[in-house]
PDB file of N, CA and C in Angstrom:
ATOM      1  N   UNK A   1     149.436 135.485  40.981  1.00  0.00           N
ATOM      2  CA  UNK A   1     149.763 135.407  42.413  1.00  0.00           C
ATOM      3  C   UNK A   1     148.653 136.009  43.246  1.00  0.00           C
ATOM      4  N   UNK A   2     148.095 137.099  42.754  1.00  0.00           N
ATOM      5  CA  UNK A   2     146.999 137.759  43.474  1.00  0.00           C
ATOM      6  C   UNK A   2     145.810 136.824  43.578  1.00  0.00           C
ATOM      7  N   UNK A   3     145.481 136.143  42.482  1.00  0.00           N
ATOM      8  CA  UNK A   3     144.335 135.229  42.459  1.00  0.00           C
ATOM      9  C   UNK A   3     144.535 134.104  43.482  1.00  0.00           C
ATOM     10  N   UNK A   4     145.752 133.529  43.471  1.00  0.00           N
ATOM     11  CA  UNK A   4     146.069 132.447  44.417  1.00  0.00           C
ATOM     12  C   UNK A   4     145.935 132.957  45.851  1.00  0.00           C
ATOM     13  N   UNK A   5     146.451 134.190  46.112  1.00  0.00           N
ATOM     14  CA  UNK A   5     146.356 134.775  47.446  1.00  0.00           C
ATOM     15  C   UNK A   5     144.900 134.941  47.849  1.00  0.00           C
ATOM     16  N   UNK A   6     144.069 135.446  46.955  1.00  0.00           N
ATOM     17  CA  UNK A   6     142.634 135.648  47.238  1.00  0.00           C
ATOM     18  C   UNK A   6     141.977 134.299  47.540  1.00  0.00           C
ATOM     19  N   UNK A   7     142.280 133.284  46.721  1.00  0.00           N
ATOM     20  CA  UNK A   7     141.688 131.944  46.922  1.00  0.00           C
ATOM     21  C   UNK A   7     142.087 131.399  48.298  1.00  0.00           C
ATOM     22  N   UNK A   8     143.380 131.522  48.645  1.00  0.00           N
ATOM     23  CA  UNK A   8     143.858 131.045  49.943  1.00  0.00           C
ATOM     24  C   UNK A   8     143.133 131.768  51.079  1.00  0.00           C
ATOM     25  N   UNK A   9     143.025 133.096  50.988  1.00  0.00           N
ATOM     26  CA  UNK A   9     142.335 133.893  52.015  1.00  0.00           C
ATOM     27  C   UNK A   9     140.882 133.443  52.148  1.00  0.00           C
ATOM     28  N   UNK A  10     140.205 133.265  51.000  1.00  0.00           N
ATOM     29  CA  UNK A  10     138.801 132.835  51.019  1.00  0.00           C
ATOM     30  C   UNK A  10     138.678 131.456  51.680  1.00  0.00           C
ATOM     31  N   UNK A  11     139.550 130.539  51.261  1.00  0.00           N
ATOM     32  CA  UNK A  11     139.497 129.176  51.816  1.00  0.00           C
ATOM     33  C   UNK A  11     139.718 129.219  53.327  1.00  0.00           C
ATOM     34  N   UNK A  12     140.767 129.964  53.745  1.00  0.00           N
ATOM     35  CA  UNK A  12     141.044 130.081  55.182  1.00  0.00           C
ATOM     36  C   UNK A  12     139.849 130.698  55.910  1.00  0.00           C
ATOM     37  N   UNK A  13     139.267 131.738  55.346  1.00  0.00           N
ATOM     38  CA  UNK A  13     138.104 132.402  55.958  1.00  0.00           C
ATOM     39  C   UNK A  13     136.948 131.422  56.105  1.00  0.00           C
ATOM     40  N   UNK A  14     136.675 130.670  55.030  1.00  0.00           N
ATOM     41  CA  UNK A  14     135.576 129.691  55.067  1.00  0.00           C
ATOM     42  C   UNK A  14     135.839 128.631  56.138  1.00  0.00           C
ATOM     43  N   UNK A  15     137.082 128.121  56.170  1.00  0.00           N
ATOM     44  CA  UNK A  15     137.430 127.099  57.166  1.00  0.00           C
ATOM     45  C   UNK A  15     137.234 127.653  58.581  1.00  0.00           C
ATOM     46  N   UNK A  16     137.754 128.873  58.833  1.00  0.00           N
ATOM     47  CA  UNK A  16     137.603 129.504  60.151  1.00  0.00           C
ATOM     48  C   UNK A  16     136.123 129.668  60.495  1.00  0.00           C
ATOM     49  N   UNK A  17     135.324 130.146  59.525  1.00  0.00           N
ATOM     50  CA  UNK A  17     133.885 130.350  59.755  1.00  0.00           C
ATOM     51  C   UNK A  17     133.206 129.028  60.108  1.00  0.00           C
ATOM     52  N   UNK A  18     133.530 127.962  59.315  1.00  0.00           N
ATOM     53  CA  UNK A  18     132.931 126.641  59.556  1.00  0.00           C
ATOM     54  C   UNK A  18     133.304 126.134  60.951  1.00  0.00           C
ATOM     55  N   UNK A  19     134.591 126.272  61.311  1.00  0.00           N
ATOM     56  CA  UNK A  19     135.051 125.809  62.626  1.00  0.00           C
ATOM     57  C   UNK A  19     134.315 126.552  63.735  1.00  0.00           C
ATOM     58  N   UNK A  20     134.258 127.907  63.586  1.00  0.00           N
ATOM     59  CA  UNK A  20     133.554 128.712  64.595  1.00  0.00           C
ATOM     60  C   UNK A  20     132.095 128.278  64.694  1.00  0.00           C
ATOM     61  N   UNK A  21     131.428 128.081  63.569  1.00  0.00           N
ATOM     62  CA  UNK A  21     130.021 127.659  63.549  1.00  0.00           C
ATOM     63  C   UNK A  21     129.858 126.313  64.256  1.00  0.00           C
ATOM     64  N   UNK A  22     130.747 125.349  63.941  1.00  0.00           N
ATOM     65  CA  UNK A  22     130.678 124.020  64.569  1.00  0.00           C
ATOM     66  C   UNK A  22     130.860 124.145  66.086  1.00  0.00           C
ATOM     67  N   UNK A  23     131.860 124.935  66.506  1.00  0.00           N
ATOM     68  CA  UNK A  23     132.112 125.122  67.943  1.00  0.00           C
ATOM     69  C   UNK A  23     130.882 125.708  68.623  1.00  0.00           C
ATOM     70  N   UNK A  24     130.305 126.763  68.005  1.00  0.00           N
ATOM     71  CA  UNK A  24     129.116 127.408  68.587  1.00  0.00           C
ATOM     72  C   UNK A  24     127.978 126.396  68.711  1.00  0.00           C
ATOM     73  N   UNK A  25     127.730 125.625  67.640  1.00  0.00           N
ATOM     74  CA  UNK A  25     126.648 124.626  67.660  1.00  0.00           C
ATOM     75  C   UNK A  25     126.901 123.590  68.758  1.00  0.00           C
ATOM     76  N   UNK A  26     128.139 123.098  68.860  1.00  0.00           N
ATOM     77  CA  UNK A  26     128.476 122.090  69.871  1.00  0.00           C
ATOM     78  C   UNK A  26     128.268 122.659  71.278  1.00  0.00           C
ATOM     79  N   UNK A  27     128.759 123.901  71.497  1.00  0.00           N
ATOM     80  CA  UNK A  27     128.613 124.541  72.812  1.00  0.00           C
ATOM     81  C   UNK A  27     127.142 124.690  73.171  1.00  0.00           C
ATOM     82  N   UNK A  28     126.343 125.208  72.212  1.00  0.00           N
ATOM     83  CA  UNK A  28     124.901 125.383  72.468  1.00  0.00           C
ATOM     84  C   UNK A  28     124.252 124.038  72.786  1.00  0.00           C
ATOM     85  N   UNK A  29     124.590 123.005  72.016  1.00  0.00           N
ATOM     86  CA  UNK A  29     124.019 121.667  72.246  1.00  0.00           C
ATOM     87  C   UNK A  29     124.374 121.161  73.647  1.00  0.00           C
ATOM     88  N   UNK A  30     125.653 121.298  74.016  1.00  0.00           N
ATOM     89  CA  UNK A  30     126.107 120.839  75.338  1.00  0.00           C
ATOM     90  C   UNK A  30     125.379 121.597  76.442  1.00  0.00           C
ATOM     91  N   UNK A  31     125.273 122.926  76.278  1.00  0.00           N
ATOM     92  CA  UNK A  31     124.574 123.748  77.283  1.00  0.00           C
ATOM     93  C   UNK A  31     123.130 123.300  77.424  1.00  0.00           C
ATOM     94  N   UNK A  32     122.446 123.118  76.284  1.00  0.00           N
ATOM     95  CA  UNK A  32     121.048 122.667  76.328  1.00  0.00           C
ATOM     96  C   UNK A  32     120.947 121.301  77.021  1.00  0.00           C
ATOM     97  N   UNK A  33     121.878 120.400  76.682  1.00  0.00           N
ATOM     98  CA  UNK A  33     121.868 119.074  77.309  1.00  0.00           C
ATOM     99  C   UNK A  33     122.046 119.185  78.823  1.00  0.00           C
ATOM    100  N   UNK A  34     123.008 120.031  79.252  1.00  0.00           N
ATOM    101  CA  UNK A  34     123.260 120.225  80.690  1.00  0.00           C
ATOM    102  C   UNK A  34     122.027 120.799  81.384  1.00  0.00           C
ATOM    103  N   UNK A  35     121.399 121.812  80.746  1.00  0.00           N
ATOM    104  CA  UNK A  35     120.185 122.421  81.313  1.00  0.00           C
ATOM    105  C   UNK A  35     119.092 121.366  81.462  1.00  0.00           C
ATOM    106  N   UNK A  36     118.947 120.546  80.407  1.00  0.00           N
ATOM    107  CA  UNK A  36     117.940 119.472  80.455  1.00  0.00           C
ATOM    108  C   UNK A  36     118.213 118.524  81.620  1.00  0.00           C
ATOM    109  N   UNK A  37     119.480 118.109  81.769  1.00  0.00           N
ATOM    110  CA  UNK A  37     119.861 117.196  82.859  1.00  0.00           C
ATOM    111  C   UNK A  37     119.544 117.833  84.216  1.00  0.00           C
ATOM    112  N   UNK A  38     119.924 119.120  84.357  1.00  0.00           N
ATOM    113  CA  UNK A  38     119.655 119.825  85.618  1.00  0.00           C
ATOM    114  C   UNK A  38     118.161 119.859  85.902  1.00  0.00           C
ATOM    115  N   UNK A  39     117.354 120.194  84.877  1.00  0.00           N
ATOM    116  CA  UNK A  39     115.892 120.251  85.052  1.00  0.00           C
ATOM    117  C   UNK A  39     115.354 118.883  85.477  1.00  0.00           C
ATOM    118  N   UNK A  40     115.841 117.821  84.810  1.00  0.00           N
ATOM    119  CA  UNK A  40     115.385 116.459  85.144  1.00  0.00           C
ATOM    120  C   UNK A  40     115.746 116.124  86.594  1.00  0.00           C
ATOM    121  N   UNK A  41     117.003 116.446  86.979  1.00  0.00           N
ATOM    122  CA  UNK A  41     117.449 116.163  88.351  1.00  0.00           C
ATOM    123  C   UNK A  41     116.583 116.916  89.361  1.00  0.00           C
ATOM    124  N   UNK A  42     116.350 118.216  89.093  1.00  0.00           N
ATOM    125  CA  UNK A  42     115.512 119.029  89.990  1.00  0.00           C
ATOM    126  C   UNK A  42     114.113 118.429  90.088  1.00  0.00           C
ATOM    127  N   UNK A  43     113.546 118.036  88.931  1.00  0.00           N
ATOM    128  CA  UNK A  43     112.205 117.440  88.915  1.00  0.00           C
ATOM    129  C   UNK A  43     112.166 116.165  89.764  1.00  0.00           C
ATOM    130  N   UNK A  44     113.196 115.308  89.594  1.00  0.00           N
ATOM    131  CA  UNK A  44     113.258 114.054  90.352  1.00  0.00           C
ATOM    132  C   UNK A  44     113.353 114.337  91.854  1.00  0.00           C
ATOM    133  N   UNK A  45     114.238 115.300  92.221  1.00  0.00           N
ATOM    134  CA  UNK A  45     114.401 115.654  93.639  1.00  0.00           C
ATOM    135  C   UNK A  45     113.084 116.163  94.219  1.00  0.00           C
ATOM    136  N   UNK A  46     112.426 117.074  93.480  1.00  0.00           N
ATOM    137  CA  UNK A  46     111.135 117.618  93.935  1.00  0.00           C
ATOM    138  C   UNK A  46     110.125 116.486  94.104  1.00  0.00           C
ATOM    139  N   UNK A  47     110.075 115.573  93.130  1.00  0.00           N
ATOM    140  CA  UNK A  47     109.139 114.449  93.199  1.00  0.00           C
ATOM    141  C   UNK A  47     109.407 113.597  94.436  1.00  0.00           C
ATOM    142  N   UNK A  48     110.697 113.297  94.675  1.00  0.00           N
ATOM    143  CA  UNK A  48     111.071 112.483  95.845  1.00  0.00           C
ATOM    144  C   UNK A  48     110.655 113.191  97.141  1.00  0.00           C
ATOM    145  N   UNK A  49     110.956 114.509  97.211  1.00  0.00           N
ATOM    146  CA  UNK A  49     110.590 115.277  98.409  1.00  0.00           C
ATOM    147  C   UNK A  49     109.084 115.237  98.632  1.00  0.00           C
ATOM    148  N   UNK A  50     108.310 115.474  97.548  1.00  0.00           N
ATOM    149  CA  UNK A  50     106.843 115.458  97.665  1.00  0.00           C
ATOM    150  C   UNK A  50     106.364 114.090  98.152  1.00  0.00           C
ATOM    151  N   UNK A  51     106.913 113.015  97.550  1.00  0.00           N
ATOM    152  CA  UNK A  51     106.503 111.655  97.940  1.00  0.00           C
ATOM    153  C   UNK A  51     106.814 111.409  99.422  1.00  0.00           C
ATOM    154  N   UNK A  52     108.025 111.806  99.847  1.00  0.00           N
ATOM    155  CA  UNK A  52     108.419 111.615 101.247  1.00  0.00           C
ATOM    156  C   UNK A  52     107.485 112.382 102.176  1.00  0.00           C
ATOM    157  N   UNK A  53     107.230 113.660 101.837  1.00  0.00           N
ATOM    158  CA  UNK A  53     106.353 114.497 102.669  1.00  0.00           C
ATOM    159  C   UNK A  53     104.967 113.873 102.770  1.00  0.00           C
ATOM    160  N   UNK A  54     104.400 113.471 101.610  1.00  0.00           N
ATOM    161  CA  UNK A  54     103.071 112.847 101.609  1.00  0.00           C
ATOM    162  C   UNK A  54     103.077 111.572 102.450  1.00  0.00           C
ATOM    163  N   UNK A  55     104.119 110.766 102.294  1.00  0.00           N
ATOM    164  CA  UNK A  55     104.216 109.522 103.068  1.00  0.00           C
ATOM    165  C   UNK A  55     104.234 109.816 104.571  1.00  0.00           C
ATOM    166  N   UNK A  56     105.061 110.799 104.957  1.00  0.00           N
ATOM    167  CA  UNK A  56     105.158 111.172 106.366  1.00  0.00           C
ATOM    168  C   UNK A  56     103.808 111.647 106.880  1.00  0.00           C
ATOM    169  N   UNK A  57     103.138 112.518 106.100  1.00  0.00           N
ATOM    170  CA  UNK A  57     101.828 113.046 106.511  1.00  0.00           C
ATOM    171  C   UNK A  57     100.839 111.891 106.689  1.00  0.00           C
ATOM    172  N   UNK A  58     100.784 110.989 105.687  1.00  0.00           N
ATOM    173  CA  UNK A  58      99.869 109.845 105.767  1.00  0.00           C
ATOM    174  C   UNK A  58     100.192 108.998 107.006  1.00  0.00           C
ATOM    175  N   UNK A  59     101.497 108.740 107.227  1.00  0.00           N
ATOM    176  CA  UNK A  59     101.911 107.938 108.382  1.00  0.00           C
ATOM    177  C   UNK A  59     101.469 108.589 109.684  1.00  0.00           C
ATOM    178  N   UNK A  60     101.707 109.906 109.795  1.00  0.00           N
ATOM    179  CA  UNK A  60     101.326 110.639 111.010  1.00  0.00           C
ATOM    180  C   UNK A  60      99.815 110.566 111.217  1.00  0.00           C
ATOM    181  N   UNK A  61      99.056 110.803 110.130  1.00  0.00           N
ATOM    182  CA  UNK A  61      97.585 110.753 110.238  1.00  0.00           C
ATOM    183  C   UNK A  61      97.141 109.369 110.699  1.00  0.00           C
ATOM    184  N   UNK A  62      97.696 108.322 110.050  1.00  0.00           N
ATOM    185  CA  UNK A  62      97.327 106.949 110.438  1.00  0.00           C
ATOM    186  C   UNK A  62      97.677 106.707 111.907  1.00  0.00           C
ATOM    187  N   UNK A  63      98.890 107.163 112.319  1.00  0.00           N
ATOM    188  CA  UNK A  63      99.308 106.974 113.708  1.00  0.00           C
ATOM    189  C   UNK A  63      98.340 107.665 114.667  1.00  0.00           C
ATOM    190  N   UNK A  64      97.987 108.923 114.346  1.00  0.00           N
ATOM    191  CA  UNK A  64      97.051 109.682 115.198  1.00  0.00           C
ATOM    192  C   UNK A  64      95.715 108.948 115.287  1.00  0.00           C
ATOM    193  N   UNK A  65      95.205 108.505 114.118  1.00  0.00           N
ATOM    194  CA  UNK A  65      93.911 107.794 114.100  1.00  0.00           C
ATOM    195  C   UNK A  65      93.990 106.536 114.967  1.00  0.00           C
ATOM    196  N   UNK A  66      95.091 105.768 114.789  1.00  0.00           N
ATOM    197  CA  UNK A  66      95.251 104.537 115.574  1.00  0.00           C
ATOM    198  C   UNK A  66      95.281 104.851 117.068  1.00  0.00           C
ATOM    199  N   UNK A  67      96.070 105.884 117.446  1.00  0.00           N
ATOM    200  CA  UNK A  67      96.171 106.267 118.858  1.00  0.00           C
ATOM    201  C   UNK A  67      94.802 106.671 119.401  1.00  0.00           C
ATOM    202  N   UNK A  68      94.079 107.506 118.636  1.00  0.00           N
ATOM    203  CA  UNK A  68      92.745 107.958 119.072  1.00  0.00           C
ATOM    204  C   UNK A  68      91.815 106.762 119.235  1.00  0.00           C
ATOM    205  N   UNK A  69      91.816 105.874 118.223  1.00  0.00           N
ATOM    206  CA  UNK A  69      90.930 104.695 118.287  1.00  0.00           C
ATOM    207  C   UNK A  69      91.264 103.841 119.508  1.00  0.00           C
ATOM    208  N   UNK A  70      92.576 103.589 119.707  1.00  0.00           N
ATOM    209  CA  UNK A  70      92.985 102.783 120.859  1.00  0.00           C
ATOM    210  C   UNK A  70      92.549 103.450 122.166  1.00  0.00           C
ATOM    211  N   UNK A  71      92.773 104.768 122.255  1.00  0.00           N
ATOM    212  CA  UNK A  71      92.371 105.501 123.467  1.00  0.00           C
ATOM    213  C   UNK A  71      90.872 105.363 123.710  1.00  0.00           C
ATOM    214  N   UNK A  72      90.088 105.582 122.645  1.00  0.00           N
ATOM    215  CA  UNK A  72      88.630 105.481 122.775  1.00  0.00           C
ATOM    216  C   UNK A  72      88.238 104.069 123.205  1.00  0.00           C
ATOM    217  N   UNK A  73      88.834 103.066 122.553  1.00  0.00           N
ATOM    218  CA  UNK A  73      88.507 101.673 122.887  1.00  0.00           C
ATOM    219  C   UNK A  73      88.839 101.392 124.353  1.00  0.00           C
ATOM    220  N   UNK A  74      90.056 101.818 124.781  1.00  0.00           N
ATOM    221  CA  UNK A  74      90.461 101.590 126.173  1.00  0.00           C
ATOM    222  C   UNK A  74      89.489 102.289 127.126  1.00  0.00           C
ATOM    223  N   UNK A  75      89.153 103.531 126.821  1.00  0.00           N
ATOM    224  CA  UNK A  75      88.213 104.285 127.667  1.00  0.00           C
ATOM    225  C   UNK A  75      86.871 103.574 127.759  1.00  0.00           C
ATOM    226  N   UNK A  76      86.347 103.154 126.601  1.00  0.00           N
ATOM    227  CA  UNK A  76      85.053 102.463 126.577  1.00  0.00           C
ATOM    228  C   UNK A  76      85.136 101.167 127.374  1.00  0.00           C
ATOM    229  N   UNK A  77      86.214 100.411 127.172  1.00  0.00           N
ATOM    230  CA  UNK A  77      86.367  99.138 127.895  1.00  0.00           C
ATOM    231  C   UNK A  77      86.411  99.386 129.399  1.00  0.00           C
ATOM    232  N   UNK A  78      87.210 100.389 129.822  1.00  0.00           N
ATOM    233  CA  UNK A  78      87.294 100.723 131.249  1.00  0.00           C
ATOM    234  C   UNK A  78      85.924 101.124 131.782  1.00  0.00           C
ATOM    235  N   UNK A  79      85.198 101.948 131.014  1.00  0.00           N
ATOM    236  CA  UNK A  79      83.858 102.380 131.426  1.00  0.00           C
ATOM    237  C   UNK A  79      82.930 101.171 131.569  1.00  0.00           C
ATOM    238  N   UNK A  80      82.975 100.269 130.580  1.00  0.00           N
ATOM    239  CA  UNK A  80      82.123  99.068 130.639  1.00  0.00           C
ATOM    240  C   UNK A  80      82.490  98.209 131.847  1.00  0.00           C
ATOM    241  N   UNK A  81      83.808  98.025 132.067  1.00  0.00           N
ATOM    242  CA  UNK A  81      84.252  97.229 133.222  1.00  0.00           C
ATOM    243  C   UNK A  81      83.758  97.869 134.525  1.00  0.00           C
ATOM    244  N   UNK A  82      83.905  99.205 134.587  1.00  0.00           N
ATOM    245  CA  UNK A  82      83.423  99.933 135.777  1.00  0.00           C
ATOM    246  C   UNK A  82      81.930  99.710 135.974  1.00  0.00           C
ATOM    247  N   UNK A  83      81.159  99.847 134.894  1.00  0.00           N
ATOM    248  CA  UNK A  83      79.703  99.634 134.972  1.00  0.00           C
ATOM    249  C   UNK A  83      79.401  98.212 135.438  1.00  0.00           C
ATOM    250  N   UNK A  84      80.112  97.232 134.864  1.00  0.00           N
ATOM    251  CA  UNK A  84      79.890  95.833 135.243  1.00  0.00           C
ATOM    252  C   UNK A  84      80.204  95.627 136.719  1.00  0.00           C
ATOM    253  N   UNK A  85      81.339  96.197 137.185  1.00  0.00           N
ATOM    254  CA  UNK A  85      81.727  96.066 138.596  1.00  0.00           C
ATOM    255  C   UNK A  85      80.658  96.690 139.498  1.00  0.00           C
ATOM    256  N   UNK A  86      80.191  97.887 139.135  1.00  0.00           N
ATOM    257  CA  UNK A  86      79.149  98.561 139.932  1.00  0.00           C
ATOM    258  C   UNK A  86      77.893  97.702 139.976  1.00  0.00           C
ATOM    259  N   UNK A  87      77.483  97.189 138.795  1.00  0.00           N
ATOM    260  CA  UNK A  87      76.272  96.354 138.734  1.00  0.00           C
ATOM    261  C   UNK A  87      76.438  95.121 139.620  1.00  0.00           C
ATOM    262  N   UNK A  88      77.619  94.469 139.487  1.00  0.00           N
ATOM    263  CA  UNK A  88      77.881  93.269 140.300  1.00  0.00           C
ATOM    264  C   UNK A  88      77.831  93.617 141.788  1.00  0.00           C
ATOM    265  N   UNK A  89      78.450  94.746 142.135  1.00  0.00           N
ATOM    266  CA  UNK A  89      78.464  95.169 143.536  1.00  0.00           C
ATOM    267  C   UNK A  89      77.042  95.396 144.041  1.00  0.00           C
ATOM    268  N   UNK A  90      76.242  96.082 143.217  1.00  0.00           N
ATOM    269  CA  UNK A  90      74.846  96.361 143.614  1.00  0.00           C
ATOM    270  C   UNK A  90      74.075  95.059 143.767  1.00  0.00           C
ATOM    271  N   UNK A  91      74.254  94.163 142.780  1.00  0.00           N
ATOM    272  CA  UNK A  91      73.544  92.873 142.829  1.00  0.00           C
ATOM    273  C   UNK A  91      73.943  92.110 144.086  1.00  0.00           C
ATOM    274  N   UNK A  92      75.270  92.059 144.365  1.00  0.00           N
ATOM    275  CA  UNK A  92      75.750  91.363 145.567  1.00  0.00           C
ATOM    276  C   UNK A  92      75.150  92.006 146.815  1.00  0.00           C
ATOM    277  N   UNK A  93      75.131  93.327 146.837  1.00  0.00           N
ATOM    278  CA  UNK A  93      74.589  94.036 148.000  1.00  0.00           C
ATOM    279  C   UNK A  93      73.108  93.713 148.187  1.00  0.00           C
ATOM    280  N   UNK A  94      72.395  93.584 147.061  1.00  0.00           N
ATOM    281  CA  UNK A  94      70.955  93.282 147.156  1.00  0.00           C
ATOM    282  C   UNK A  94      70.749  91.824 147.577  1.00  0.00           C
ATOM    283  N   UNK A  95      71.565  90.927 146.982  1.00  0.00           N
ATOM    284  CA  UNK A  95      71.351  89.499 147.221  1.00  0.00           C
ATOM    285  C   UNK A  95      71.760  89.134 148.648  1.00  0.00           C
ATOM    286  N   UNK A  96      72.966  89.594 149.067  1.00  0.00           N
ATOM    287  CA  UNK A  96      73.454  89.207 150.393  1.00  0.00           C
ATOM    288  C   UNK A  96      72.738  90.057 151.450  1.00  0.00           C
ATOM    289  N   UNK A  97      71.966  89.424 152.315  1.00  0.00           N
ATOM    290  CA  UNK A  97      71.260  90.207 153.343  1.00  0.00           C
ATOM    291  C   UNK A  97      72.209  90.610 154.469  1.00  0.00           C
ATOM    292  N   UNK A  98      71.843  91.663 155.147  1.00  0.00           N
ATOM    293  CA  UNK A  98      72.633  92.118 156.288  1.00  0.00           C
ATOM    294  C   UNK A  98      72.415  91.206 157.487  1.00  0.00           C
ATOM    295  N   UNK A  99      72.941  91.612 158.683  1.00  0.00           N
ATOM    296  CA  UNK A  99      72.825  90.791 159.883  1.00  0.00           C
ATOM    297  C   UNK A  99      71.361  90.711 160.331  1.00  0.00           C
ATOM    298  N   UNK A 100      70.608  91.791 160.089  1.00  0.00           N
ATOM    299  CA  UNK A 100      69.218  91.806 160.563  1.00  0.00           C
ATOM    300  C   UNK A 100      68.275  91.181 159.532  1.00  0.00           C
ATOM    301  N   UNK A 101      68.867  90.499 158.510  1.00  0.00           N
ATOM    302  CA  UNK A 101      68.016  89.827 157.536  1.00  0.00           C
ATOM    303  C   UNK A 101      67.635  90.733 156.384  1.00  0.00           C
ATOM    304  N   UNK A 102      67.892  92.021 156.536  1.00  0.00           N
ATOM    305  CA  UNK A 102      67.567  92.919 155.415  1.00  0.00           C
ATOM    306  C   UNK A 102      68.715  92.938 154.422  1.00  0.00           C
ATOM    307  N   UNK A 103      68.438  93.550 153.275  1.00  0.00           N
ATOM    308  CA  UNK A 103      69.468  93.734 152.266  1.00  0.00           C
ATOM    309  C   UNK A 103      70.531  94.702 152.800  1.00  0.00           C
ATOM    310  N   UNK A 104      71.740  94.539 152.336  1.00  0.00           N
ATOM    311  CA  UNK A 104      72.830  95.406 152.763  1.00  0.00           C
ATOM    312  C   UNK A 104      72.625  96.827 152.246  1.00  0.00           C
ATOM    313  N   UNK A 105      71.773  96.990 151.235  1.00  0.00           N
ATOM    314  CA  UNK A 105      71.545  98.310 150.660  1.00  0.00           C
ATOM    315  C   UNK A 105      70.594  99.133 151.538  1.00  0.00           C
ATOM    316  N   UNK A 106      69.754  98.488 152.334  1.00  0.00           N
ATOM    317  CA  UNK A 106      68.713  99.213 153.066  1.00  0.00           C
ATOM    318  C   UNK A 106      69.306 100.234 154.038  1.00  0.00           C
ATOM    319  N   UNK A 107      70.390  99.899 154.752  1.00  0.00           N
ATOM    320  CA  UNK A 107      70.995 100.933 155.600  1.00  0.00           C
ATOM    321  C   UNK A 107      71.447 102.141 154.785  1.00  0.00           C
ATOM    322  N   UNK A 108      71.926 101.904 153.559  1.00  0.00           N
ATOM    323  CA  UNK A 108      72.346 103.028 152.721  1.00  0.00           C
ATOM    324  C   UNK A 108      71.154 103.892 152.363  1.00  0.00           C
ATOM    325  N   UNK A 109      70.004 103.249 152.126  1.00  0.00           N
ATOM    326  CA  UNK A 109      68.807 103.999 151.760  1.00  0.00           C
ATOM    327  C   UNK A 109      68.237 104.647 153.026  1.00  0.00           C
TER     328      UNK A 109
END
């Protein structure tokens, strides 16, 4: 009877130990898997944020460059138009003589 009792105790102990070991292994595996998933999610979020930020920065830079270029072009065009108008005015003033037969510019001089 003692031998049978010892065998039963040993078997029960082994079964309990195996079950505990399996549970511990499963828990550790699940925890590691969850940590991995969290790390992957964080990495993806960080990547998305970085991409968005870079895109926004590039867009802003392009917008600023376009605005500056347009402003410069408009300024240059206005300046050229002004120069052309002044030249035309001067030419007209030189070509069209005044009432006394002189150029219209001579009274100014």
